[in-house]
Amino acid sequence: MRWPINAALASLPNRHLRSLIRACTRQCSIDMGKKLHAAIITGRLAPMPDSFLHNALLHFYAAHGSACSARKLFDEIPNSHKDAVDWTVLMGCFSRHGMPQSGLRLFVEMRRENVRVDDVAMACLFNACARLGNVEIGEQGHGFVVKVGLGSSVKACNGVMDMYVKCGLLGMARRVFEEMGERSVVSWTVILDGVVKLEGVGSGRMVFDNMPDRNEVAWTIMIVGYVSVGLIREGFSLLEEMIFGCGLGLNYVTLCSFLSASAQSGDTMTGRWVHAYAVKAVGNEIDIMVGTAVVNMYAKCGRVDTALKVFEHMHQRNEVTWNALLSGLAMHGRGKLVLNMFPQMLKEAKPDDLTFTALLSACSHSGLVEQGRHYFDNLEASYGVTPKIEHYACMVDLLGRAGHLEEAEVLIKKMPMPPNEVVLGSLLGSCRVHGKLKLGERILQELVRMHPHNTDHHVLISNMYALGGKQDKANSLRQDLKNRGIRKVPGMSSVYVGCQVHQFSAGDKSHPQTMEIYMKLDEMIQRLRLAGYVPNTGSQVFPGVDSRDDDADKLEEIEQALFCHSEKLAVCFGLISTRAGSPLYIFKNLRICVDCHSAMKIVSHVYNREIVIRDRNRFHCFKQGSCSCSDYW
């Protein structure tokens, strides 16, 4: 349908059309701006469009993230009619929308055309360097700023500091900050962000308290910092001061930041509060970004049914919302539900590569081999998605878990790109499950070449040696790691109780309630034994100790080590610290071991507790003596 152009509009001079396009840019009237552009192209408006009209259209498309359209218009403008603003607008558009490399190339073009470089152009350059982590070009840019006399520009210095912070060079950022004659609230906020991320919330709080002025971003950085490390009381106290003490509101960016931090740390308490705040502030018509962040938060905090309810009540959903839900369901082993919901997604949104990563992951966690093969084989033909390495990794994991290791190996050889650590690591994990030691040895050699300091793969193959009766090889491999100064990442489990995160490592005795925890542990083990629990000593490998040995002392030592695994200590603390019958949510940095998995099933039955454990790969929901993974993990 053609857009109607009335006679009055068609006769407008170019300068008035420019004003209309600028109004569309300011008011985010994307459809109207595109219709004006279409009418100009077809000659229904501005039969003789000038460069200034193209300038206005360039700014319109750049402001709304249409980088390709903006670049096309930019190229149509003669160089003589481009000013520094046109160059920097396009550079900024590239950086903001995932094309920082194009932004760097545009800066080089700008210099080649002898266009005057101002502080805005330099800020765009530093933003591109920060996004790419390219400190080498960033340092050259810093030198250029000093050389051309922009060292006194607050905007340019803020850009330099942000680049150094994003590249992990806090000392360089601090040096720039200290040399600044004038500092803005943004200057302080950039330094605060760097200190919180690189030195921790303790040092960050000192910077925060010394800030002469604070904006919403500074408050958000500090609160998110607290939430991310489990300091919930401190985060809530600051949040209360921000809203009720300073009268600052939470916009959608701030809300999404808090929800993301809660999802990462597993802090449902803060996440629920933010969700309630958002509903109270805007009613049920929550912004689609905030709604998606809420779905993601609940799913990653182990409340996947709540995530599903929030999703179902959302009035607007896009592919990002769908991906958040499908990924969450996949992590919880709800593979069949993911496949059942996928046709509904096709009616609402176009699936992208992340959608199929979630779909294949769901098939992998639920053992749906044929369904996974179907979607992978039809990615390009039916859905127009070119398979990426993430899709290959999911398929290798799916086939390997199901015991089709030869097919998985053939798939790796047929990949159009070299396999990465995730792909090979998935196959190595399947070798452990199915006892394929020779294939595991071959894969380990490739993984060592890629990442020689990754202990996970070494420990896994060492355990395979030990459990396969090759204790000498297991000891040799562990000794080699020790000689090279490579240490195994310790297992850590966290549980939230009373607005505070409590963290445990294996055999941990640093908690203030250690005595009560270990008394509960003794009682729990006794009850588990009466319910049929037999410690799986084969899952615990000691250097120099064969778990199949008949030596009673050695077997007892192995059993005691199993009893003191971090997730068992976390559960014991949860049992003594929460009301009877309430669910427990545990977050672990490594994969849960076979013995703990078996023990948790019995704990859930004996104590009538639902226990949800998020390990490195997925969620396990233990309830009434069974696990949501159906022992397929």
Foldseek 3Di string as FASTA:
>chain_A
DQDDDDPVQQPDDLVVLLVVLLVCQVVVVLVVNVNSVVCVVVCSHPVPHDLSSLLSNLLSCLSVLVLVVNVVSVVVRPPVPDAPVSLLSSLQSCLVNPRLVVSCVSVVVCVVSVHDDDLSSLLSNLSSCLVVLPVVVLVVSVVVCVVVVVLQPQSNLLSSLLSCLSNLNLVVSVVSLVPHPDYDLSSLQSNLLSCCVNVRLVVSVVSVVPRPDHDPSSLLSNLLSCLLVFVQVVSVVSVCCCCVVVVDDADLVSLLSQLVSCLNNLPVVSLVVSVVSQCVVPNLQGDQSNLLSSLLSCLSNPNLVVSVVSLVSHPAYEQSSLLSNLQSCLQQLVLVVSVVCVVVNVVHYQHAQSSLLSNLSSCLLNLVLVVLVVCVVCVCVPRNYDDDLSSLLSNLLSCLLVPNLVVNVVSQVVDPDHHDPSNLVSSLVSCLVVVVLVVNVVSVVVNCVRPVQQCPSLQSSLLSCLLVVNLVVSLVSVVVCVVVVRDHDWKKKWWDFPSGIDIFTQVDQPDPCSVQLVVLLVVLVVVLVVVPQDAPLSQFDDRPDRCVDPPPVSVVVSVSSVSRHNVNSNVSVVVVRDDQQEEIEMEMAADDIPRVQQSLLSVCQVRVYWYWYHYNRHIWTHHNNATSSNPSD
